[in-house]
PDB file of all heavy atoms in Angstrom:
ATOM      1  N   ILE A   1       3.080  12.920   7.583  1.00  0.00           N
ATOM      2  CA  ILE A   1       3.306  12.214   8.855  1.00  0.00           C
ATOM      3  C   ILE A   1       2.022  12.224   9.686  1.00  0.00           C
ATOM      4  O   ILE A   1       1.623  11.188  10.235  1.00  0.00           O
ATOM      5  CB  ILE A   1       4.469  12.845   9.653  1.00  0.00           C
ATOM      6  CG1 ILE A   1       5.800  12.568   8.950  1.00  0.00           C
ATOM      7  CG2 ILE A   1       4.504  12.311  11.088  1.00  0.00           C
ATOM      8  CD1 ILE A   1       6.979  13.330   9.533  1.00  0.00           C
ATOM      9  N   ALA A   2       1.374  13.381   9.761  1.00  0.00           N
ATOM     10  CA  ALA A   2       0.133  13.483  10.542  1.00  0.00           C
ATOM     11  C   ALA A   2      -0.962  12.591   9.958  1.00  0.00           C
ATOM     12  O   ALA A   2      -1.703  11.927  10.707  1.00  0.00           O
ATOM     13  CB  ALA A   2      -0.331  14.934  10.603  1.00  0.00           C
ATOM     14  N   VAL A   3      -1.066  12.546   8.643  1.00  0.00           N
ATOM     15  CA  VAL A   3      -2.073  11.701   7.990  1.00  0.00           C
ATOM     16  C   VAL A   3      -1.802  10.228   8.278  1.00  0.00           C
ATOM     17  O   VAL A   3      -2.717   9.474   8.648  1.00  0.00           O
ATOM     18  CB  VAL A   3      -2.104  11.971   6.466  1.00  0.00           C
ATOM     19  CG1 VAL A   3      -2.947  10.930   5.734  1.00  0.00           C
ATOM     20  CG2 VAL A   3      -2.619  13.382   6.186  1.00  0.00           C
ATOM     21  N   GLU A   4      -0.552   9.818   8.136  1.00  0.00           N
ATOM     22  CA  GLU A   4      -0.210   8.420   8.395  1.00  0.00           C
ATOM     23  C   GLU A   4      -0.374   8.069   9.876  1.00  0.00           C
ATOM     24  O   GLU A   4      -0.794   6.955  10.210  1.00  0.00           O
ATOM     25  CB  GLU A   4       1.202   8.100   7.912  1.00  0.00           C
ATOM     26  CG  GLU A   4       1.387   8.220   6.410  1.00  0.00           C
ATOM     27  CD  GLU A   4       0.478   7.304   5.598  1.00  0.00           C
ATOM     28  OE1 GLU A   4      -0.003   6.278   6.113  1.00  0.00           O
ATOM     29  OE2 GLU A   4       0.258   7.628   4.415  1.00  0.00           O
ATOM     30  N   ALA A   5      -0.066   9.011  10.766  1.00  0.00           N
ATOM     31  CA  ALA A   5      -0.268   8.779  12.202  1.00  0.00           C
ATOM     32  C   ALA A   5      -1.755   8.607  12.499  1.00  0.00           C
ATOM     33  O   ALA A   5      -2.140   7.770  13.328  1.00  0.00           O
ATOM     34  CB  ALA A   5       0.328   9.922  13.017  1.00  0.00           C
ATOM     35  N   ALA A   6      -2.592   9.373  11.816  1.00  0.00           N
ATOM     36  CA  ALA A   6      -4.041   9.223  11.992  1.00  0.00           C
ATOM     37  C   ALA A   6      -4.496   7.847  11.520  1.00  0.00           C
ATOM     38  O   ALA A   6      -5.347   7.211  12.160  1.00  0.00           O
ATOM     39  CB  ALA A   6      -4.784  10.325  11.243  1.00  0.00           C
ATOM     40  N   ARG A   7      -3.924   7.379  10.420  1.00  0.00           N
ATOM     41  CA  ARG A   7      -4.264   6.032   9.936  1.00  0.00           C
ATOM     42  C   ARG A   7      -3.799   4.958  10.915  1.00  0.00           C
ATOM     43  O   ARG A   7      -4.466   3.932  11.087  1.00  0.00           O
ATOM     44  CB  ARG A   7      -3.649   5.802   8.557  1.00  0.00           C
ATOM     45  CG  ARG A   7      -4.305   6.639   7.483  1.00  0.00           C
ATOM     46  CD  ARG A   7      -3.685   6.397   6.138  1.00  0.00           C
ATOM     47  NE  ARG A   7      -4.338   7.213   5.130  1.00  0.00           N
ATOM     48  CZ  ARG A   7      -3.790   7.570   3.990  1.00  0.00           C
ATOM     49  NH1 ARG A   7      -2.566   7.164   3.686  1.00  0.00           N
ATOM     50  NH2 ARG A   7      -4.450   8.320   3.131  1.00  0.00           N
ATOM     51  N   LEU A   8      -2.680   5.204  11.552  1.00  0.00           N
ATOM     52  CA  LEU A   8      -2.189   4.286  12.580  1.00  0.00           C
ATOM     53  C   LEU A   8      -3.170   4.249  13.755  1.00  0.00           C
ATOM     54  O   LEU A   8      -3.523   3.177  14.253  1.00  0.00           O
ATOM     55  CB  LEU A   8      -0.799   4.722  13.041  1.00  0.00           C
ATOM     56  CG  LEU A   8      -0.148   3.924  14.163  1.00  0.00           C
ATOM     57  CD1 LEU A   8       0.041   2.468  13.776  1.00  0.00           C
ATOM     58  CD2 LEU A   8       1.184   4.565  14.531  1.00  0.00           C
ATOM     59  N   LEU A   9      -3.628   5.411  14.166  1.00  0.00           N
ATOM     60  CA  LEU A   9      -4.614   5.474  15.246  1.00  0.00           C
ATOM     61  C   LEU A   9      -5.910   4.771  14.866  1.00  0.00           C
ATOM     62  O   LEU A   9      -6.560   4.121  15.699  1.00  0.00           O
ATOM     63  CB  LEU A   9      -4.921   6.925  15.607  1.00  0.00           C
ATOM     64  CG  LEU A   9      -3.868   7.670  16.394  1.00  0.00           C
ATOM     65  CD1 LEU A   9      -4.233   9.141  16.504  1.00  0.00           C
ATOM     66  CD2 LEU A   9      -3.696   7.053  17.775  1.00  0.00           C
ATOM     67  N   GLU A  10      -6.281   4.896  13.609  1.00  0.00           N
ATOM     68  CA  GLU A  10      -7.519   4.286  13.133  1.00  0.00           C
ATOM     69  C   GLU A  10      -7.504   2.763  13.299  1.00  0.00           C
ATOM     70  O   GLU A  10      -8.548   2.139  13.528  1.00  0.00           O
ATOM     71  CB  GLU A  10      -7.728   4.663  11.669  1.00  0.00           C
ATOM     72  CG  GLU A  10      -9.107   4.398  11.154  1.00  0.00           C
ATOM     73  CD  GLU A  10      -9.294   4.960   9.752  1.00  0.00           C
ATOM     74  OE1 GLU A  10      -8.324   4.980   8.970  1.00  0.00           O
ATOM     75  OE2 GLU A  10     -10.427   5.351   9.454  1.00  0.00           O
ATOM     76  N   VAL A  11      -6.334   2.165  13.207  1.00  0.00           N
ATOM     77  CA  VAL A  11      -6.211   0.718  13.400  1.00  0.00           C
ATOM     78  C   VAL A  11      -6.708   0.339  14.798  1.00  0.00           C
ATOM     79  O   VAL A  11      -7.323  -0.709  14.989  1.00  0.00           O
ATOM     80  CB  VAL A  11      -4.747   0.252  13.202  1.00  0.00           C
ATOM     81  CG1 VAL A  11      -4.593  -1.218  13.533  1.00  0.00           C
ATOM     82  CG2 VAL A  11      -4.286   0.529  11.772  1.00  0.00           C
ATOM     83  N   TYR A  12      -6.451   1.208  15.777  1.00  0.00           N
ATOM     84  CA  TYR A  12      -6.834   0.934  17.161  1.00  0.00           C
ATOM     85  C   TYR A  12      -8.257   1.380  17.501  1.00  0.00           C
ATOM     86  O   TYR A  12      -8.781   1.009  18.546  1.00  0.00           O
ATOM     87  CB  TYR A  12      -5.871   1.628  18.126  1.00  0.00           C
ATOM     88  CG  TYR A  12      -4.554   0.920  18.262  1.00  0.00           C
ATOM     89  CD1 TYR A  12      -3.405   1.423  17.666  1.00  0.00           C
ATOM     90  CD2 TYR A  12      -4.464  -0.262  18.989  1.00  0.00           C
ATOM     91  CE1 TYR A  12      -2.194   0.770  17.801  1.00  0.00           C
ATOM     92  CE2 TYR A  12      -3.260  -0.921  19.116  1.00  0.00           C
ATOM     93  CZ  TYR A  12      -2.127  -0.399  18.530  1.00  0.00           C
ATOM     94  OH  TYR A  12      -0.932  -1.052  18.654  1.00  0.00           O
ATOM     95  N   GLN A  13      -8.874   2.171  16.635  1.00  0.00           N
ATOM     96  CA  GLN A  13     -10.195   2.722  16.953  1.00  0.00           C
ATOM     97  C   GLN A  13     -11.200   1.609  17.229  1.00  0.00           C
ATOM     98  O   GLN A  13     -11.363   0.695  16.442  1.00  0.00           O
ATOM     99  CB  GLN A  13     -10.688   3.595  15.803  1.00  0.00           C
ATOM    100  CG  GLN A  13     -11.938   4.367  16.131  1.00  0.00           C
ATOM    101  CD  GLN A  13     -12.324   5.306  15.003  1.00  0.00           C
ATOM    102  OE1 GLN A  13     -11.864   5.181  13.874  1.00  0.00           O
ATOM    103  NE2 GLN A  13     -13.153   6.269  15.312  1.00  0.00           N
ATOM    104  N   TRP A  14     -11.840   1.698  18.373  1.00  0.00           N
ATOM    105  CA  TRP A  14     -12.884   0.786  18.850  1.00  0.00           C
ATOM    106  C   TRP A  14     -12.371  -0.617  19.141  1.00  0.00           C
ATOM    107  O   TRP A  14     -13.134  -1.561  19.201  1.00  0.00           O
ATOM    108  CB  TRP A  14     -14.060   0.715  17.866  1.00  0.00           C
ATOM    109  CG  TRP A  14     -14.503   2.053  17.379  1.00  0.00           C
ATOM    110  CD1 TRP A  14     -14.513   2.479  16.094  1.00  0.00           C
ATOM    111  CD2 TRP A  14     -14.990   3.149  18.163  1.00  0.00           C
ATOM    112  NE1 TRP A  14     -14.965   3.761  16.015  1.00  0.00           N
ATOM    113  CE2 TRP A  14     -15.272   4.212  17.291  1.00  0.00           C
ATOM    114  CE3 TRP A  14     -15.198   3.358  19.523  1.00  0.00           C
ATOM    115  CZ2 TRP A  14     -15.747   5.434  17.700  1.00  0.00           C
ATOM    116  CZ3 TRP A  14     -15.691   4.592  19.937  1.00  0.00           C
ATOM    117  CH2 TRP A  14     -15.963   5.607  19.038  1.00  0.00           C
ATOM    118  N   ARG A  15     -11.068  -0.751  19.317  1.00  0.00           N
ATOM    119  CA  ARG A  15     -10.495  -2.066  19.633  1.00  0.00           C
ATOM    120  C   ARG A  15      -9.559  -1.947  20.822  1.00  0.00           C
ATOM    121  O   ARG A  15      -8.937  -0.915  21.047  1.00  0.00           O
ATOM    122  CB  ARG A  15      -9.671  -2.594  18.459  1.00  0.00           C
ATOM    123  CG  ARG A  15     -10.424  -2.803  17.193  1.00  0.00           C
ATOM    124  CD  ARG A  15      -9.464  -3.307  16.127  1.00  0.00           C
ATOM    125  NE  ARG A  15     -10.139  -3.482  14.856  1.00  0.00           N
ATOM    126  CZ  ARG A  15      -9.570  -3.314  13.683  1.00  0.00           C
ATOM    127  NH1 ARG A  15      -8.296  -2.975  13.615  1.00  0.00           N
ATOM    128  NH2 ARG A  15     -10.239  -3.494  12.587  1.00  0.00           N
ATOM    129  N   GLU A  16      -9.411  -3.020  21.523  1.00  0.00           N
ATOM    130  CA  GLU A  16      -8.397  -3.106  22.568  1.00  0.00           C
ATOM    131  C   GLU A  16      -7.062  -3.416  21.895  1.00  0.00           C
ATOM    132  O   GLU A  16      -7.037  -4.085  20.852  1.00  0.00           O
ATOM    133  CB  GLU A  16      -8.748  -4.209  23.571  1.00  0.00           C
ATOM    134  CG  GLU A  16      -9.999  -3.937  24.384  1.00  0.00           C
ATOM    135  CD  GLU A  16      -9.898  -2.677  25.226  1.00  0.00           C
ATOM    136  OE1 GLU A  16      -8.816  -2.413  25.799  1.00  0.00           O
ATOM    137  OE2 GLU A  16     -10.897  -1.940  25.301  1.00  0.00           O
ATOM    138  N   PRO A  17      -5.954  -2.950  22.465  1.00  0.00           N
ATOM    139  CA  PRO A  17      -4.650  -3.201  21.833  1.00  0.00           C
ATOM    140  C   PRO A  17      -4.393  -4.683  21.546  1.00  0.00           C
ATOM    141  O   PRO A  17      -3.839  -5.028  20.499  1.00  0.00           O
ATOM    142  CB  PRO A  17      -3.651  -2.655  22.852  1.00  0.00           C
ATOM    143  CG  PRO A  17      -4.409  -1.635  23.615  1.00  0.00           C
ATOM    144  CD  PRO A  17      -5.833  -2.129  23.655  1.00  0.00           C
ATOM    145  N   GLU A  18      -4.822  -5.541  22.447  1.00  0.00           N
ATOM    146  CA  GLU A  18      -4.601  -6.975  22.258  1.00  0.00           C
ATOM    147  C   GLU A  18      -5.351  -7.495  21.034  1.00  0.00           C
ATOM    148  O   GLU A  18      -4.889  -8.415  20.353  1.00  0.00           O
ATOM    149  CB  GLU A  18      -5.047  -7.766  23.502  1.00  0.00           C
ATOM    150  CG  GLU A  18      -4.374  -7.360  24.784  1.00  0.00           C
ATOM    151  CD  GLU A  18      -4.953  -6.085  25.408  1.00  0.00           C
ATOM    152  OE1 GLU A  18      -6.148  -5.778  25.216  1.00  0.00           O
ATOM    153  OE2 GLU A  18      -4.185  -5.382  26.083  1.00  0.00           O
ATOM    154  N   GLU A  19      -6.526  -6.921  20.770  1.00  0.00           N
ATOM    155  CA  GLU A  19      -7.316  -7.343  19.615  1.00  0.00           C
ATOM    156  C   GLU A  19      -6.585  -7.053  18.308  1.00  0.00           C
ATOM    157  O   GLU A  19      -6.657  -7.843  17.361  1.00  0.00           O
ATOM    158  CB  GLU A  19      -8.661  -6.611  19.583  1.00  0.00           C
ATOM    159  CG  GLU A  19      -9.641  -6.973  20.664  1.00  0.00           C
ATOM    160  CD  GLU A  19     -10.889  -6.121  20.565  1.00  0.00           C
ATOM    161  OE1 GLU A  19     -11.630  -6.257  19.577  1.00  0.00           O
ATOM    162  OE2 GLU A  19     -11.109  -5.297  21.473  1.00  0.00           O
ATOM    163  N   VAL A  20      -5.936  -5.907  18.252  1.00  0.00           N
ATOM    164  CA  VAL A  20      -5.244  -5.499  17.034  1.00  0.00           C
ATOM    165  C   VAL A  20      -4.154  -6.507  16.682  1.00  0.00           C
ATOM    166  O   VAL A  20      -4.047  -6.949  15.545  1.00  0.00           O
ATOM    167  CB  VAL A  20      -4.653  -4.078  17.178  1.00  0.00           C
ATOM    168  CG1 VAL A  20      -3.759  -3.734  16.004  1.00  0.00           C
ATOM    169  CG2 VAL A  20      -5.770  -3.055  17.337  1.00  0.00           C
ATOM    170  N   LEU A  21      -3.361  -6.879  17.660  1.00  0.00           N
ATOM    171  CA  LEU A  21      -2.256  -7.801  17.404  1.00  0.00           C
ATOM    172  C   LEU A  21      -2.724  -9.239  17.218  1.00  0.00           C
ATOM    173  O   LEU A  21      -2.058 -10.021  16.541  1.00  0.00           O
ATOM    174  CB  LEU A  21      -1.230  -7.711  18.533  1.00  0.00           C
ATOM    175  CG  LEU A  21      -0.517  -6.361  18.626  1.00  0.00           C
ATOM    176  CD1 LEU A  21       0.393  -6.323  19.843  1.00  0.00           C
ATOM    177  CD2 LEU A  21       0.269  -6.068  17.361  1.00  0.00           C
ATOM    178  N   ALA A  22      -3.868  -9.592  17.798  1.00  0.00           N
ATOM    179  CA  ALA A  22      -4.371 -10.957  17.687  1.00  0.00           C
ATOM    180  C   ALA A  22      -4.984 -11.225  16.311  1.00  0.00           C
ATOM    181  O   ALA A  22      -5.073 -12.369  15.882  1.00  0.00           O
ATOM    182  CB  ALA A  22      -5.402 -11.229  18.781  1.00  0.00           C
ATOM    183  N   ASN A  23      -5.374 -10.185  15.619  1.00  0.00           N
ATOM    184  CA  ASN A  23      -6.000 -10.319  14.309  1.00  0.00           C
ATOM    185  C   ASN A  23      -4.942 -10.073  13.233  1.00  0.00           C
ATOM    186  O   ASN A  23      -4.341  -9.002  13.185  1.00  0.00           O
ATOM    187  CB  ASN A  23      -7.145  -9.305  14.195  1.00  0.00           C
ATOM    188  CG  ASN A  23      -7.817  -9.331  12.848  1.00  0.00           C
ATOM    189  OD1 ASN A  23      -7.231  -8.917  11.860  1.00  0.00           O
ATOM    190  ND2 ASN A  23      -9.049  -9.808  12.821  1.00  0.00           N
ATOM    191  N   ALA A  24      -4.726 -11.052  12.378  1.00  0.00           N
ATOM    192  CA  ALA A  24      -3.658 -10.955  11.368  1.00  0.00           C
ATOM    193  C   ALA A  24      -3.826  -9.744  10.458  1.00  0.00           C
ATOM    194  O   ALA A  24      -2.849  -9.060  10.141  1.00  0.00           O
ATOM    195  CB  ALA A  24      -3.610 -12.234  10.540  1.00  0.00           C
ATOM    196  N   GLU A  25      -5.051  -9.456  10.050  1.00  0.00           N
ATOM    197  CA  GLU A  25      -5.297  -8.336   9.137  1.00  0.00           C
ATOM    198  C   GLU A  25      -4.983  -6.990   9.794  1.00  0.00           C
ATOM    199  O   GLU A  25      -4.301  -6.146   9.221  1.00  0.00           O
ATOM    200  CB  GLU A  25      -6.749  -8.360   8.654  1.00  0.00           C
ATOM    201  CG  GLU A  25      -7.055  -7.311   7.608  1.00  0.00           C
ATOM    202  CD  GLU A  25      -8.499  -7.396   7.127  1.00  0.00           C
ATOM    203  OE1 GLU A  25      -9.068  -8.508   7.082  1.00  0.00           O
ATOM    204  OE2 GLU A  25      -9.037  -6.332   6.783  1.00  0.00           O
ATOM    205  N   SER A  26      -5.480  -6.796  11.016  1.00  0.00           N
ATOM    206  CA  SER A  26      -5.226  -5.520  11.685  1.00  0.00           C
ATOM    207  C   SER A  26      -3.763  -5.402  12.124  1.00  0.00           C
ATOM    208  O   SER A  26      -3.196  -4.310  12.122  1.00  0.00           O
ATOM    209  CB  SER A  26      -6.168  -5.308  12.874  1.00  0.00           C
ATOM    210  OG  SER A  26      -6.009  -6.305  13.852  1.00  0.00           O
ATOM    211  N   ALA A  27      -3.128  -6.519  12.472  1.00  0.00           N
ATOM    212  CA  ALA A  27      -1.704  -6.490  12.835  1.00  0.00           C
ATOM    213  C   ALA A  27      -0.861  -6.071  11.631  1.00  0.00           C
ATOM    214  O   ALA A  27       0.070  -5.275  11.760  1.00  0.00           O
ATOM    215  CB  ALA A  27      -1.258  -7.855  13.354  1.00  0.00           C
ATOM    216  N   GLU A  28      -1.223  -6.570  10.457  1.00  0.00           N
ATOM    217  CA  GLU A  28      -0.518  -6.190   9.227  1.00  0.00           C
ATOM    218  C   GLU A  28      -0.742  -4.709   8.917  1.00  0.00           C
ATOM    219  O   GLU A  28       0.179  -3.991   8.524  1.00  0.00           O
ATOM    220  CB  GLU A  28      -0.994  -7.065   8.063  1.00  0.00           C
ATOM    221  CG  GLU A  28      -0.217  -6.882   6.795  1.00  0.00           C
ATOM    222  CD  GLU A  28       1.233  -7.343   6.889  1.00  0.00           C
ATOM    223  OE1 GLU A  28       1.578  -8.151   7.775  1.00  0.00           O
ATOM    224  OE2 GLU A  28       2.029  -6.869   6.059  1.00  0.00           O
ATOM    225  N   GLU A  29      -1.957  -4.260   9.099  1.00  0.00           N
ATOM    226  CA  GLU A  29      -2.285  -2.844   8.886  1.00  0.00           C
ATOM    227  C   GLU A  29      -1.486  -1.957   9.843  1.00  0.00           C
ATOM    228  O   GLU A  29      -0.949  -0.918   9.448  1.00  0.00           O
ATOM    229  CB  GLU A  29      -3.793  -2.660   9.116  1.00  0.00           C
ATOM    230  CG  GLU A  29      -4.382  -1.421   8.545  1.00  0.00           C
ATOM    231  CD  GLU A  29      -5.901  -1.372   8.749  1.00  0.00           C
ATOM    232  OE1 GLU A  29      -6.518  -2.379   9.158  1.00  0.00           O
ATOM    233  OE2 GLU A  29      -6.446  -0.285   8.522  1.00  0.00           O
ATOM    234  N   LEU A  30      -1.395  -2.385  11.100  1.00  0.00           N
ATOM    235  CA  LEU A  30      -0.610  -1.657  12.102  1.00  0.00           C
ATOM    236  C   LEU A  30       0.847  -1.528  11.654  1.00  0.00           C
ATOM    237  O   LEU A  30       1.423  -0.442  11.683  1.00  0.00           O
ATOM    238  CB  LEU A  30      -0.686  -2.381  13.449  1.00  0.00           C
ATOM    239  CG  LEU A  30       0.272  -1.910  14.529  1.00  0.00           C
ATOM    240  CD1 LEU A  30      -0.204  -0.591  15.119  1.00  0.00           C
ATOM    241  CD2 LEU A  30       0.433  -2.953  15.601  1.00  0.00           C
ATOM    242  N   LYS A  31       1.436  -2.635  11.220  1.00  0.00           N
ATOM    243  CA  LYS A  31       2.829  -2.627  10.773  1.00  0.00           C
ATOM    244  C   LYS A  31       3.022  -1.692   9.579  1.00  0.00           C
ATOM    245  O   LYS A  31       4.000  -0.940   9.519  1.00  0.00           O
ATOM    246  CB  LYS A  31       3.271  -4.039  10.405  1.00  0.00           C
ATOM    247  CG  LYS A  31       3.362  -4.984  11.591  1.00  0.00           C
ATOM    248  CD  LYS A  31       3.635  -6.396  11.119  1.00  0.00           C
ATOM    249  CE  LYS A  31       3.532  -7.388  12.246  1.00  0.00           C
ATOM    250  NZ  LYS A  31       3.698  -8.776  11.771  1.00  0.00           N
ATOM    251  N   ASP A  32       2.085  -1.741   8.628  1.00  0.00           N
ATOM    252  CA  ASP A  32       2.187  -0.882   7.443  1.00  0.00           C
ATOM    253  C   ASP A  32       2.101   0.593   7.803  1.00  0.00           C
ATOM    254  O   ASP A  32       2.886   1.412   7.312  1.00  0.00           O
ATOM    255  CB  ASP A  32       1.094  -1.221   6.430  1.00  0.00           C
ATOM    256  CG  ASP A  32       1.325  -2.539   5.712  1.00  0.00           C
ATOM    257  OD1 ASP A  32       2.453  -3.079   5.799  1.00  0.00           O
ATOM    258  OD2 ASP A  32       0.381  -3.031   5.078  1.00  0.00           O
ATOM    259  N   GLU A  33       1.149   0.957   8.638  1.00  0.00           N
ATOM    260  CA  GLU A  33       0.965   2.368   8.993  1.00  0.00           C
ATOM    261  C   GLU A  33       2.129   2.875   9.847  1.00  0.00           C
ATOM    262  O   GLU A  33       2.582   4.008   9.668  1.00  0.00           O
ATOM    263  CB  GLU A  33      -0.371   2.588   9.700  1.00  0.00           C
ATOM    264  CG  GLU A  33      -1.592   2.229   8.869  1.00  0.00           C
ATOM    265  CD  GLU A  33      -1.666   2.900   7.502  1.00  0.00           C
ATOM    266  OE1 GLU A  33      -1.034   3.959   7.284  1.00  0.00           O
ATOM    267  OE2 GLU A  33      -2.355   2.355   6.624  1.00  0.00           O
ATOM    268  N   LEU A  34       2.621   2.052  10.745  1.00  0.00           N
ATOM    269  CA  LEU A  34       3.783   2.444  11.545  1.00  0.00           C
ATOM    270  C   LEU A  34       4.997   2.647  10.642  1.00  0.00           C
ATOM    271  O   LEU A  34       5.741   3.623  10.793  1.00  0.00           O
ATOM    272  CB  LEU A  34       4.069   1.401  12.626  1.00  0.00           C
ATOM    273  CG  LEU A  34       5.272   1.676  13.530  1.00  0.00           C
ATOM    274  CD1 LEU A  34       5.155   3.034  14.221  1.00  0.00           C
ATOM    275  CD2 LEU A  34       5.412   0.559  14.556  1.00  0.00           C
ATOM    276  N   ALA A  35       5.183   1.751   9.690  1.00  0.00           N
ATOM    277  CA  ALA A  35       6.293   1.898   8.737  1.00  0.00           C
ATOM    278  C   ALA A  35       6.155   3.197   7.952  1.00  0.00           C
ATOM    279  O   ALA A  35       7.157   3.904   7.738  1.00  0.00           O
ATOM    280  CB  ALA A  35       6.340   0.701   7.797  1.00  0.00           C
ATOM    281  N   ASP A  36       4.941   3.543   7.536  1.00  0.00           N
ATOM    282  CA  ASP A  36       4.730   4.797   6.805  1.00  0.00           C
ATOM    283  C   ASP A  36       5.134   6.008   7.642  1.00  0.00           C
ATOM    284  O   ASP A  36       5.794   6.924   7.143  1.00  0.00           O
ATOM    285  CB  ASP A  36       3.268   4.943   6.377  1.00  0.00           C
ATOM    286  CG  ASP A  36       2.900   4.058   5.204  1.00  0.00           C
ATOM    287  OD1 ASP A  36       3.805   3.610   4.470  1.00  0.00           O
ATOM    288  OD2 ASP A  36       1.690   3.817   5.008  1.00  0.00           O
TER     289      ASP A  36
END
């Protein structure tokens, strides 16, 4: 859980939250890591 949570955080690293959701690749990554 801690490892997957770190990967979830990594999606946001150096980005604004809006950027993550606006980019299809990072939005998909966010969904995958949250699901994990």
